[in-house]
Amino acid sequence: MKQPAAPTATAQPNGHQALSAYIRARFDEFSRSQKDVAQYIVDHLDEAAFQTAEELARRASTSSSTVVRFSQALGFEGFPELQQAARDEYRRRPPGVMNGSSTAAAPLFSLDHTESEAALAADHVNLEDTAHKLSRTDLEAAIDAIVSAGKVLIAGTDQMAFFASYLRHLLMLLDLRAEIVASPSQEALGRLSRIDEQTLVVGLSAGRPHPLITRTMKLARHRKAPTLAITDATLSEVARLARIRLYYSSNTPAFVRSHTALLSLIQALAYGVYSRDAQQYDVRIKAFRLK
């Protein structure tokens, strides 16, 4: 029988690793489905600490058996022992800290809030959490990359296709060349073939990235094109392949991920570009609206 790795995987005052740090250190050892579980626990420790294995599996888009196998791969006897390590780390964090970042502790609604109110409250926390996690250096680097690019290629499939299209719309309002890749169509593949060193490639992903997005980022890297990843998973392969990385929080009690913070982040990027030369862009935007 395996011995639980809690003494190693949990943070203690004597310097032992916290569970999230232990998972990060061993991330490359896991299978693809186990990496989905790893990403979710690291980025949503507050939820993973109190969810059932079935709930965590649903959030990570995998099976409960994978969650159990992942727990055992870490050295725990099963999921309950892993969850206890997650709870220990979560409870040691200072008040007002969520997923490693300081957030407002005051609830938006009363304790007997409805499910809909809980979703709204989660979106509010996601915005604050994202704002606290964002590095000003990374955000400014992303804006610089957009401004200096000869062309911006935005890759996002499925639910991310909407946000790719919206970012393209905002950049076109500012008279910047922007294209999207949302499916493996002949037209989209043609756009990928034209990636060069003057093309900024932006990869959007939530959870496990679509293979098309991963291939796009690998191609951009091979062709020495600048790359930007916008993702809700700090261990995402898309983020690993990108030169600039922006993360957003997507916690929610709902049946789909929350993208409120992603939408805000996209608008913040566009406004950052606009602010570099507001007078010039104002003329363009007014003309665009009159068409």
C-alpha atoms as a PDB file:
ATOM      1  CA  MET A   1       0.000   0.000   0.000  1.00  0.00           C
ATOM      2  CA  LYS A   2       1.264   3.458  -0.873  1.00  0.00           C
ATOM      3  CA  GLN A   3       2.222   5.745   1.949  1.00  0.00           C
ATOM      4  CA  PRO A   4       0.626   9.210   1.878  1.00  0.00           C
ATOM      5  CA  ALA A   5       2.984  11.985   0.868  1.00  0.00           C
ATOM      6  CA  ALA A   6       1.352  14.572   3.093  1.00  0.00           C
ATOM      7  CA  PRO A   7       4.505  15.272   5.119  1.00  0.00           C
ATOM      8  CA  THR A   8       6.280  16.154   1.858  1.00  0.00           C
ATOM      9  CA  ALA A   9       3.400  17.648  -0.097  1.00  0.00           C
ATOM     10  CA  THR A  10       2.076  19.993   2.532  1.00  0.00           C
ATOM     11  CA  ALA A  11       3.661  23.215   3.693  1.00  0.00           C
ATOM     12  CA  GLN A  12       4.966  23.242   7.242  1.00  0.00           C
ATOM     13  CA  PRO A  13       6.831  25.924   9.137  1.00  0.00           C
ATOM     14  CA  ASN A  14      10.009  23.837   8.776  1.00  0.00           C
ATOM     15  CA  GLY A  15      10.042  24.489   5.035  1.00  0.00           C
ATOM     16  CA  HIS A  16       8.319  21.469   3.446  1.00  0.00           C
ATOM     17  CA  GLN A  17       6.588  22.140   0.137  1.00  0.00           C
ATOM     18  CA  ALA A  18       2.962  23.185  -0.050  1.00  0.00           C
ATOM     19  CA  LEU A  19       0.712  20.911  -2.105  1.00  0.00           C
ATOM     20  CA  SER A  20       0.448  23.374  -4.995  1.00  0.00           C
ATOM     21  CA  ALA A  21       4.239  23.810  -5.113  1.00  0.00           C
ATOM     22  CA  TYR A  22       4.723  20.030  -5.002  1.00  0.00           C
ATOM     23  CA  ILE A  23       2.313  19.587  -7.922  1.00  0.00           C
ATOM     24  CA  ARG A  24       4.106  22.270  -9.943  1.00  0.00           C
ATOM     25  CA  ALA A  25       7.459  20.592  -9.337  1.00  0.00           C
ATOM     26  CA  ARG A  26       6.190  17.227 -10.618  1.00  0.00           C
ATOM     27  CA  PHE A  27       3.875  18.514 -13.354  1.00  0.00           C
ATOM     28  CA  ASP A  28       5.854  17.104 -16.293  1.00  0.00           C
ATOM     29  CA  GLU A  29       5.603  13.573 -14.850  1.00  0.00           C
ATOM     30  CA  PHE A  30       1.815  13.391 -15.144  1.00  0.00           C
ATOM     31  CA  SER A  31      -0.299  12.023 -17.973  1.00  0.00           C
ATOM     32  CA  ARG A  32      -2.350  14.420 -20.081  1.00  0.00           C
ATOM     33  CA  SER A  33      -5.555  13.827 -18.105  1.00  0.00           C
ATOM     34  CA  GLN A  34      -3.688  14.050 -14.807  1.00  0.00           C
ATOM     35  CA  LYS A  35      -2.264  17.407 -15.906  1.00  0.00           C
ATOM     36  CA  ASP A  36      -5.853  18.672 -16.240  1.00  0.00           C
ATOM     37  CA  VAL A  37      -6.428  17.768 -12.581  1.00  0.00           C
ATOM     38  CA  ALA A  38      -3.096  19.313 -11.581  1.00  0.00           C
ATOM     39  CA  GLN A  39      -3.899  22.596 -13.347  1.00  0.00           C
ATOM     40  CA  TYR A  40      -7.286  22.813 -11.702  1.00  0.00           C
ATOM     41  CA  ILE A  41      -6.005  22.166  -8.168  1.00  0.00           C
ATOM     42  CA  VAL A  42      -3.142  24.658  -8.466  1.00  0.00           C
ATOM     43  CA  ASP A  43      -5.351  27.434  -9.851  1.00  0.00           C
ATOM     44  CA  HIS A  44      -8.516  26.671  -7.849  1.00  0.00           C
ATOM     45  CA  LEU A  45      -7.185  25.428  -4.507  1.00  0.00           C
ATOM     46  CA  ASP A  46     -10.040  27.056  -2.609  1.00  0.00           C
ATOM     47  CA  GLU A  47     -12.566  24.969  -4.584  1.00  0.00           C
ATOM     48  CA  ALA A  48     -10.569  21.738  -4.733  1.00  0.00           C
ATOM     49  CA  ALA A  49     -10.154  21.758  -0.953  1.00  0.00           C
ATOM     50  CA  PHE A  50     -13.871  21.263  -0.417  1.00  0.00           C
ATOM     51  CA  GLN A  51     -15.225  19.573  -3.553  1.00  0.00           C
ATOM     52  CA  THR A  52     -15.918  15.873  -3.967  1.00  0.00           C
ATOM     53  CA  ALA A  53     -13.768  13.878  -6.383  1.00  0.00           C
ATOM     54  CA  GLU A  54     -16.715  13.814  -8.803  1.00  0.00           C
ATOM     55  CA  GLU A  55     -17.129  17.600  -8.674  1.00  0.00           C
ATOM     56  CA  LEU A  56     -13.423  18.206  -9.156  1.00  0.00           C
ATOM     57  CA  ALA A  57     -13.378  15.767 -12.083  1.00  0.00           C
ATOM     58  CA  ARG A  58     -16.239  17.648 -13.762  1.00  0.00           C
ATOM     59  CA  ARG A  59     -14.495  20.984 -13.308  1.00  0.00           C
ATOM     60  CA  ALA A  60     -11.251  19.579 -14.709  1.00  0.00           C
ATOM     61  CA  SER A  61     -13.060  17.940 -17.648  1.00  0.00           C
ATOM     62  CA  THR A  62     -11.949  14.448 -16.692  1.00  0.00           C
ATOM     63  CA  SER A  63     -13.156  11.403 -14.696  1.00  0.00           C
ATOM     64  CA  SER A  64     -13.257  10.755 -10.959  1.00  0.00           C
ATOM     65  CA  SER A  65     -11.022   7.713 -11.485  1.00  0.00           C
ATOM     66  CA  THR A  66      -8.387  10.044 -12.979  1.00  0.00           C
ATOM     67  CA  VAL A  67      -8.629  12.234  -9.881  1.00  0.00           C
ATOM     68  CA  VAL A  68      -8.010   9.165  -7.692  1.00  0.00           C
ATOM     69  CA  ARG A  69      -5.083   8.016  -9.852  1.00  0.00           C
ATOM     70  CA  PHE A  70      -3.623  11.517  -9.727  1.00  0.00           C
ATOM     71  CA  SER A  71      -3.842  11.470  -5.921  1.00  0.00           C
ATOM     72  CA  GLN A  72      -2.002   8.155  -5.857  1.00  0.00           C
ATOM     73  CA  ALA A  73       0.598   9.410  -8.338  1.00  0.00           C
ATOM     74  CA  LEU A  74       1.441  12.106  -5.784  1.00  0.00           C
ATOM     75  CA  GLY A  75       1.897   9.437  -3.116  1.00  0.00           C
ATOM     76  CA  PHE A  76      -1.457   9.719  -1.335  1.00  0.00           C
ATOM     77  CA  GLU A  77      -3.580   6.658  -0.606  1.00  0.00           C
ATOM     78  CA  GLY A  78      -6.524   8.336  -2.313  1.00  0.00           C
ATOM     79  CA  PHE A  79      -8.370  11.596  -2.942  1.00  0.00           C
ATOM     80  CA  PRO A  80      -9.404  12.244   0.709  1.00  0.00           C
ATOM     81  CA  GLU A  81      -5.733  12.464   1.734  1.00  0.00           C
ATOM     82  CA  LEU A  82      -4.917  14.822  -1.151  1.00  0.00           C
ATOM     83  CA  GLN A  83      -7.942  16.950  -0.280  1.00  0.00           C
ATOM     84  CA  GLN A  84      -6.792  17.170   3.338  1.00  0.00           C
ATOM     85  CA  ALA A  85      -3.422  18.491   2.128  1.00  0.00           C
ATOM     86  CA  ALA A  86      -5.286  21.053  -0.006  1.00  0.00           C
ATOM     87  CA  ARG A  87      -7.370  22.099   2.993  1.00  0.00           C
ATOM     88  CA  ASP A  88      -4.279  22.431   5.170  1.00  0.00           C
ATOM     89  CA  GLU A  89      -2.642  24.749   2.633  1.00  0.00           C
ATOM     90  CA  TYR A  90      -5.854  26.717   2.110  1.00  0.00           C
ATOM     91  CA  ARG A  91      -6.393  27.226   5.847  1.00  0.00           C
ATOM     92  CA  ARG A  92      -2.816  28.398   6.423  1.00  0.00           C
ATOM     93  CA  ARG A  93      -3.248  31.265   3.996  1.00  0.00           C
ATOM     94  CA  PRO A  94      -3.802  34.697   5.580  1.00  0.00           C
ATOM     95  CA  PRO A  95      -7.380  36.027   5.752  1.00  0.00           C
ATOM     96  CA  GLY A  96      -8.525  37.653   2.524  1.00  0.00           C
ATOM     97  CA  VAL A  97      -6.162  35.607   0.359  1.00  0.00           C
ATOM     98  CA  MET A  98      -7.572  33.488  -2.476  1.00  0.00           C
ATOM     99  CA  ASN A  99      -5.386  31.278  -4.677  1.00  0.00           C
ATOM    100  CA  GLY A 100      -2.291  33.089  -3.437  1.00  0.00           C
ATOM    101  CA  SER A 101      -3.612  36.636  -4.010  1.00  0.00           C
ATOM    102  CA  SER A 102      -5.149  39.137  -1.640  1.00  0.00           C
ATOM    103  CA  THR A 103      -8.847  39.741  -2.266  1.00  0.00           C
ATOM    104  CA  ALA A 104     -11.707  41.536  -0.547  1.00  0.00           C
ATOM    105  CA  ALA A 105     -13.228  39.288   2.124  1.00  0.00           C
ATOM    106  CA  ALA A 106     -16.617  40.970   2.452  1.00  0.00           C
ATOM    107  CA  PRO A 107     -19.396  39.016   0.685  1.00  0.00           C
ATOM    108  CA  LEU A 108     -21.614  40.739  -1.866  1.00  0.00           C
ATOM    109  CA  PHE A 109     -24.734  38.947  -0.691  1.00  0.00           C
ATOM    110  CA  SER A 110     -26.148  37.545   2.524  1.00  0.00           C
ATOM    111  CA  LEU A 111     -25.299  34.039   3.705  1.00  0.00           C
ATOM    112  CA  ASP A 112     -28.563  32.699   2.301  1.00  0.00           C
ATOM    113  CA  HIS A 113     -27.842  33.927  -1.230  1.00  0.00           C
ATOM    114  CA  THR A 114     -29.352  32.165  -4.218  1.00  0.00           C
ATOM    115  CA  GLU A 115     -27.414  30.161  -6.788  1.00  0.00           C
ATOM    116  CA  SER A 116     -27.585  33.064  -9.245  1.00  0.00           C
ATOM    117  CA  GLU A 117     -26.268  35.481  -6.640  1.00  0.00           C
ATOM    118  CA  ALA A 118     -23.448  33.059  -5.862  1.00  0.00           C
ATOM    119  CA  ALA A 119     -22.423  33.099  -9.528  1.00  0.00           C
ATOM    120  CA  LEU A 120     -22.456  36.916  -9.546  1.00  0.00           C
ATOM    121  CA  ALA A 121     -20.403  37.001  -6.353  1.00  0.00           C
ATOM    122  CA  ALA A 122     -17.875  34.586  -7.888  1.00  0.00           C
ATOM    123  CA  ASP A 123     -17.510  36.843 -10.939  1.00  0.00           C
ATOM    124  CA  HIS A 124     -16.850  39.797  -8.652  1.00  0.00           C
ATOM    125  CA  VAL A 125     -14.123  37.864  -6.844  1.00  0.00           C
ATOM    126  CA  ASN A 126     -12.661  36.686 -10.160  1.00  0.00           C
ATOM    127  CA  LEU A 127     -12.193  40.278 -11.300  1.00  0.00           C
ATOM    128  CA  GLU A 128     -10.440  41.222  -8.070  1.00  0.00           C
ATOM    129  CA  ASP A 129      -8.336  38.059  -8.072  1.00  0.00           C
ATOM    130  CA  THR A 130      -7.272  38.648 -11.678  1.00  0.00           C
ATOM    131  CA  ALA A 131      -6.384  42.273 -10.971  1.00  0.00           C
ATOM    132  CA  HIS A 132      -4.216  41.234  -8.007  1.00  0.00           C
ATOM    133  CA  LYS A 133      -2.471  38.467  -9.961  1.00  0.00           C
ATOM    134  CA  LEU A 134      -1.719  40.548 -13.060  1.00  0.00           C
ATOM    135  CA  SER A 135       1.834  41.733 -13.394  1.00  0.00           C
ATOM    136  CA  ARG A 136       2.073  45.319 -14.640  1.00  0.00           C
ATOM    137  CA  THR A 137       5.257  44.347 -16.445  1.00  0.00           C
ATOM    138  CA  ASP A 138       3.519  41.526 -18.327  1.00  0.00           C
ATOM    139  CA  LEU A 139       0.491  43.682 -19.119  1.00  0.00           C
ATOM    140  CA  GLU A 140       2.643  46.494 -20.515  1.00  0.00           C
ATOM    141  CA  ALA A 141       4.709  43.962 -22.458  1.00  0.00           C
ATOM    142  CA  ALA A 142       1.506  42.608 -24.032  1.00  0.00           C
ATOM    143  CA  ILE A 143       0.390  46.119 -25.014  1.00  0.00           C
ATOM    144  CA  ASP A 144       3.841  46.882 -26.448  1.00  0.00           C
ATOM    145  CA  ALA A 145       3.721  43.678 -28.487  1.00  0.00           C
ATOM    146  CA  ILE A 146       0.311  44.578 -29.941  1.00  0.00           C
ATOM    147  CA  VAL A 147       1.355  48.140 -30.806  1.00  0.00           C
ATOM    148  CA  SER A 148       4.600  47.078 -32.487  1.00  0.00           C
ATOM    149  CA  ALA A 149       3.237  44.075 -34.375  1.00  0.00           C
ATOM    150  CA  GLY A 150       2.801  44.235 -38.128  1.00  0.00           C
ATOM    151  CA  LYS A 151      -0.181  41.923 -37.729  1.00  0.00           C
ATOM    152  CA  VAL A 152      -1.970  40.225 -34.822  1.00  0.00           C
ATOM    153  CA  LEU A 153      -3.180  36.628 -35.222  1.00  0.00           C
ATOM    154  CA  ILE A 154      -5.606  35.570 -32.480  1.00  0.00           C
ATOM    155  CA  ALA A 155      -6.202  31.846 -31.978  1.00  0.00           C
ATOM    156  CA  GLY A 156      -9.220  30.663 -30.011  1.00  0.00           C
ATOM    157  CA  THR A 157     -11.571  27.748 -30.581  1.00  0.00           C
ATOM    158  CA  ASP A 158     -14.988  26.768 -29.220  1.00  0.00           C
ATOM    159  CA  GLN A 159     -15.978  29.181 -26.415  1.00  0.00           C
ATOM    160  CA  MET A 160     -12.702  31.064 -26.877  1.00  0.00           C
ATOM    161  CA  ALA A 161     -13.643  31.840 -30.492  1.00  0.00           C
ATOM    162  CA  PHE A 162     -16.044  34.530 -29.280  1.00  0.00           C
ATOM    163  CA  PHE A 163     -13.333  36.277 -27.279  1.00  0.00           C
ATOM    164  CA  ALA A 164     -10.880  35.973 -30.178  1.00  0.00           C
ATOM    165  CA  SER A 165     -13.441  37.646 -32.420  1.00  0.00           C
ATOM    166  CA  TYR A 166     -14.110  40.388 -29.877  1.00  0.00           C
ATOM    167  CA  LEU A 167     -10.409  41.157 -29.425  1.00  0.00           C
ATOM    168  CA  ARG A 168     -10.064  41.317 -33.215  1.00  0.00           C
ATOM    169  CA  HIS A 169     -13.012  43.753 -33.347  1.00  0.00           C
ATOM    170  CA  LEU A 170     -11.459  46.033 -30.727  1.00  0.00           C
ATOM    171  CA  LEU A 171      -8.095  46.068 -32.497  1.00  0.00           C
ATOM    172  CA  MET A 172      -9.701  46.790 -35.856  1.00  0.00           C
ATOM    173  CA  LEU A 173     -11.442  49.798 -34.297  1.00  0.00           C
ATOM    174  CA  LEU A 174      -7.925  51.054 -33.645  1.00  0.00           C
ATOM    175  CA  ASP A 175      -6.946  50.387 -37.273  1.00  0.00           C
ATOM    176  CA  LEU A 176      -4.663  47.482 -36.375  1.00  0.00           C
ATOM    177  CA  ARG A 177      -4.375  44.449 -38.656  1.00  0.00           C
ATOM    178  CA  ALA A 178      -5.906  41.460 -36.878  1.00  0.00           C
ATOM    179  CA  GLU A 179      -7.014  37.996 -37.953  1.00  0.00           C
ATOM    180  CA  ILE A 180      -8.471  35.040 -36.070  1.00  0.00           C
ATOM    181  CA  VAL A 181      -8.023  31.282 -36.217  1.00  0.00           C
ATOM    182  CA  ALA A 182     -11.048  29.568 -34.718  1.00  0.00           C
ATOM    183  CA  SER A 183     -11.133  26.229 -36.562  1.00  0.00           C
ATOM    184  CA  PRO A 184      -8.895  24.011 -38.721  1.00  0.00           C
ATOM    185  CA  SER A 185     -10.493  25.306 -41.921  1.00  0.00           C
ATOM    186  CA  GLN A 186      -8.533  25.788 -45.121  1.00  0.00           C
ATOM    187  CA  GLU A 187      -8.769  29.563 -44.710  1.00  0.00           C
ATOM    188  CA  ALA A 188      -7.504  29.418 -41.121  1.00  0.00           C
ATOM    189  CA  LEU A 189      -4.624  27.124 -42.051  1.00  0.00           C
ATOM    190  CA  GLY A 190      -3.696  29.611 -44.756  1.00  0.00           C
ATOM    191  CA  ARG A 191      -3.424  32.312 -42.096  1.00  0.00           C
ATOM    192  CA  LEU A 192      -1.164  30.081 -40.044  1.00  0.00           C
ATOM    193  CA  SER A 193       1.099  29.573 -43.051  1.00  0.00           C
ATOM    194  CA  ARG A 194       1.691  33.341 -43.196  1.00  0.00           C
ATOM    195  CA  ILE A 195       3.006  33.668 -39.629  1.00  0.00           C
ATOM    196  CA  ASP A 196       6.350  35.469 -39.589  1.00  0.00           C
ATOM    197  CA  GLU A 197       8.542  37.446 -37.212  1.00  0.00           C
ATOM    198  CA  GLN A 198       6.280  40.512 -37.591  1.00  0.00           C
ATOM    199  CA  THR A 199       3.156  38.595 -36.525  1.00  0.00           C
ATOM    200  CA  LEU A 200       2.066  38.652 -32.889  1.00  0.00           C
ATOM    201  CA  VAL A 201       0.329  35.342 -32.169  1.00  0.00           C
ATOM    202  CA  VAL A 202      -2.197  35.462 -29.321  1.00  0.00           C
ATOM    203  CA  GLY A 203      -3.411  32.139 -27.909  1.00  0.00           C
ATOM    204  CA  LEU A 204      -6.614  32.045 -25.853  1.00  0.00           C
ATOM    205  CA  SER A 205      -7.371  28.974 -23.755  1.00  0.00           C
ATOM    206  CA  ALA A 206      -9.482  27.825 -20.818  1.00  0.00           C
ATOM    207  CA  GLY A 207      -8.527  24.614 -19.075  1.00  0.00           C
ATOM    208  CA  ARG A 208      -7.038  22.066 -21.470  1.00  0.00           C
ATOM    209  CA  PRO A 209      -6.113  23.931 -24.674  1.00  0.00           C
ATOM    210  CA  HIS A 210      -7.480  22.780 -28.011  1.00  0.00           C
ATOM    211  CA  PRO A 211      -4.795  20.998 -30.110  1.00  0.00           C
ATOM    212  CA  LEU A 212      -5.139  23.686 -32.789  1.00  0.00           C
ATOM    213  CA  ILE A 213      -4.128  26.393 -30.309  1.00  0.00           C
ATOM    214  CA  THR A 214      -1.138  24.387 -29.119  1.00  0.00           C
ATOM    215  CA  ARG A 215       0.001  23.754 -32.700  1.00  0.00           C
ATOM    216  CA  THR A 216      -0.423  27.439 -33.517  1.00  0.00           C
ATOM    217  CA  MET A 217       1.784  28.480 -30.608  1.00  0.00           C
ATOM    218  CA  LYS A 218       4.410  25.878 -31.516  1.00  0.00           C
ATOM    219  CA  LEU A 219       4.435  27.090 -35.118  1.00  0.00           C
ATOM    220  CA  ALA A 220       4.803  30.700 -33.976  1.00  0.00           C
ATOM    221  CA  ARG A 221       7.680  29.738 -31.727  1.00  0.00           C
ATOM    222  CA  HIS A 222       9.366  27.837 -34.572  1.00  0.00           C
ATOM    223  CA  ARG A 223       9.070  30.873 -36.835  1.00  0.00           C
ATOM    224  CA  LYS A 224      10.348  33.197 -34.095  1.00  0.00           C
ATOM    225  CA  ALA A 225       7.116  35.175 -33.971  1.00  0.00           C
ATOM    226  CA  PRO A 226       6.280  37.043 -30.732  1.00  0.00           C
ATOM    227  CA  THR A 227       3.668  35.166 -28.686  1.00  0.00           C
ATOM    228  CA  LEU A 228       1.106  36.069 -26.035  1.00  0.00           C
ATOM    229  CA  ALA A 229      -0.945  33.562 -24.012  1.00  0.00           C
ATOM    230  CA  ILE A 230      -4.150  34.542 -22.207  1.00  0.00           C
ATOM    231  CA  THR A 231      -5.288  31.611 -20.082  1.00  0.00           C
ATOM    232  CA  ASP A 232      -6.919  30.613 -16.796  1.00  0.00           C
ATOM    233  CA  ALA A 233      -4.397  27.812 -16.132  1.00  0.00           C
ATOM    234  CA  THR A 234      -0.927  28.763 -14.929  1.00  0.00           C
ATOM    235  CA  LEU A 235       0.362  25.316 -15.956  1.00  0.00           C
ATOM    236  CA  SER A 236      -1.222  25.475 -19.407  1.00  0.00           C
ATOM    237  CA  GLU A 237       0.894  24.243 -22.330  1.00  0.00           C
ATOM    238  CA  VAL A 238      -0.153  27.354 -24.243  1.00  0.00           C
ATOM    239  CA  ALA A 239       1.332  29.513 -21.485  1.00  0.00           C
ATOM    240  CA  ARG A 240       4.543  27.511 -21.538  1.00  0.00           C
ATOM    241  CA  LEU A 241       4.942  28.119 -25.256  1.00  0.00           C
ATOM    242  CA  ALA A 242       4.333  31.876 -25.016  1.00  0.00           C
ATOM    243  CA  ARG A 243       6.828  34.647 -24.377  1.00  0.00           C
ATOM    244  CA  ILE A 244       4.249  36.835 -22.602  1.00  0.00           C
ATOM    245  CA  ARG A 245       1.652  35.285 -20.294  1.00  0.00           C
ATOM    246  CA  LEU A 246      -1.510  36.809 -18.832  1.00  0.00           C
ATOM    247  CA  TYR A 247      -3.666  34.817 -16.428  1.00  0.00           C
ATOM    248  CA  TYR A 248      -7.274  35.323 -15.394  1.00  0.00           C
ATOM    249  CA  SER A 249      -9.392  33.684 -12.704  1.00  0.00           C
ATOM    250  CA  SER A 250     -12.390  31.587 -13.801  1.00  0.00           C
ATOM    251  CA  ASN A 251     -13.765  30.221 -10.494  1.00  0.00           C
ATOM    252  CA  THR A 252     -17.535  29.768 -10.442  1.00  0.00           C
ATOM    253  CA  PRO A 253     -20.211  27.562  -8.857  1.00  0.00           C
ATOM    254  CA  ALA A 254     -21.925  27.396 -12.262  1.00  0.00           C
ATOM    255  CA  PHE A 255     -21.701  24.511 -14.749  1.00  0.00           C
ATOM    256  CA  VAL A 256     -19.332  26.436 -17.066  1.00  0.00           C
ATOM    257  CA  ARG A 257     -16.187  28.440 -16.385  1.00  0.00           C
ATOM    258  CA  SER A 258     -16.536  32.138 -15.662  1.00  0.00           C
ATOM    259  CA  HIS A 259     -15.096  34.368 -18.396  1.00  0.00           C
ATOM    260  CA  THR A 260     -16.000  37.714 -16.835  1.00  0.00           C
ATOM    261  CA  ALA A 261     -12.371  38.421 -15.965  1.00  0.00           C
ATOM    262  CA  LEU A 262     -11.242  37.358 -19.453  1.00  0.00           C
ATOM    263  CA  LEU A 263     -13.601  39.852 -21.061  1.00  0.00           C
ATOM    264  CA  SER A 264     -12.333  42.584 -18.751  1.00  0.00           C
ATOM    265  CA  LEU A 265      -8.714  41.673 -19.511  1.00  0.00           C
ATOM    266  CA  ILE A 266      -9.298  41.851 -23.273  1.00  0.00           C
ATOM    267  CA  GLN A 267     -10.889  45.277 -22.941  1.00  0.00           C
ATOM    268  CA  ALA A 268      -8.037  46.424 -20.711  1.00  0.00           C
ATOM    269  CA  LEU A 269      -5.519  45.402 -23.388  1.00  0.00           C
ATOM    270  CA  ALA A 270      -7.415  47.288 -26.081  1.00  0.00           C
ATOM    271  CA  TYR A 271      -7.707  50.369 -23.877  1.00  0.00           C
ATOM    272  CA  GLY A 272      -4.004  50.181 -23.107  1.00  0.00           C
ATOM    273  CA  VAL A 273      -3.277  50.276 -26.839  1.00  0.00           C
ATOM    274  CA  TYR A 274      -5.728  53.159 -27.296  1.00  0.00           C
ATOM    275  CA  SER A 275      -4.089  55.130 -24.486  1.00  0.00           C
ATOM    276  CA  ARG A 276      -0.724  55.114 -26.277  1.00  0.00           C
ATOM    277  CA  ASP A 277      -2.123  57.623 -28.823  1.00  0.00           C
ATOM    278  CA  ALA A 278      -5.687  58.505 -27.821  1.00  0.00           C
ATOM    279  CA  GLN A 279      -5.934  61.550 -30.098  1.00  0.00           C
ATOM    280  CA  GLN A 280      -5.050  59.581 -33.224  1.00  0.00           C
ATOM    281  CA  TYR A 281      -7.307  56.686 -32.329  1.00  0.00           C
ATOM    282  CA  ASP A 282     -10.270  58.935 -31.531  1.00  0.00           C
ATOM    283  CA  VAL A 283     -10.311  60.130 -35.142  1.00  0.00           C
ATOM    284  CA  ARG A 284     -10.270  56.562 -36.393  1.00  0.00           C
ATOM    285  CA  ILE A 285     -12.991  55.358 -34.024  1.00  0.00           C
ATOM    286  CA  LYS A 286     -15.340  58.225 -34.907  1.00  0.00           C
ATOM    287  CA  ALA A 287     -14.883  57.533 -38.628  1.00  0.00           C
ATOM    288  CA  PHE A 288     -15.462  53.817 -38.091  1.00  0.00           C
ATOM    289  CA  ARG A 289     -18.744  54.399 -36.288  1.00  0.00           C
ATOM    290  CA  LEU A 290     -20.066  56.586 -39.111  1.00  0.00           C
ATOM    291  CA  LYS A 291     -19.680  53.826 -41.717  1.00  0.00           C
END
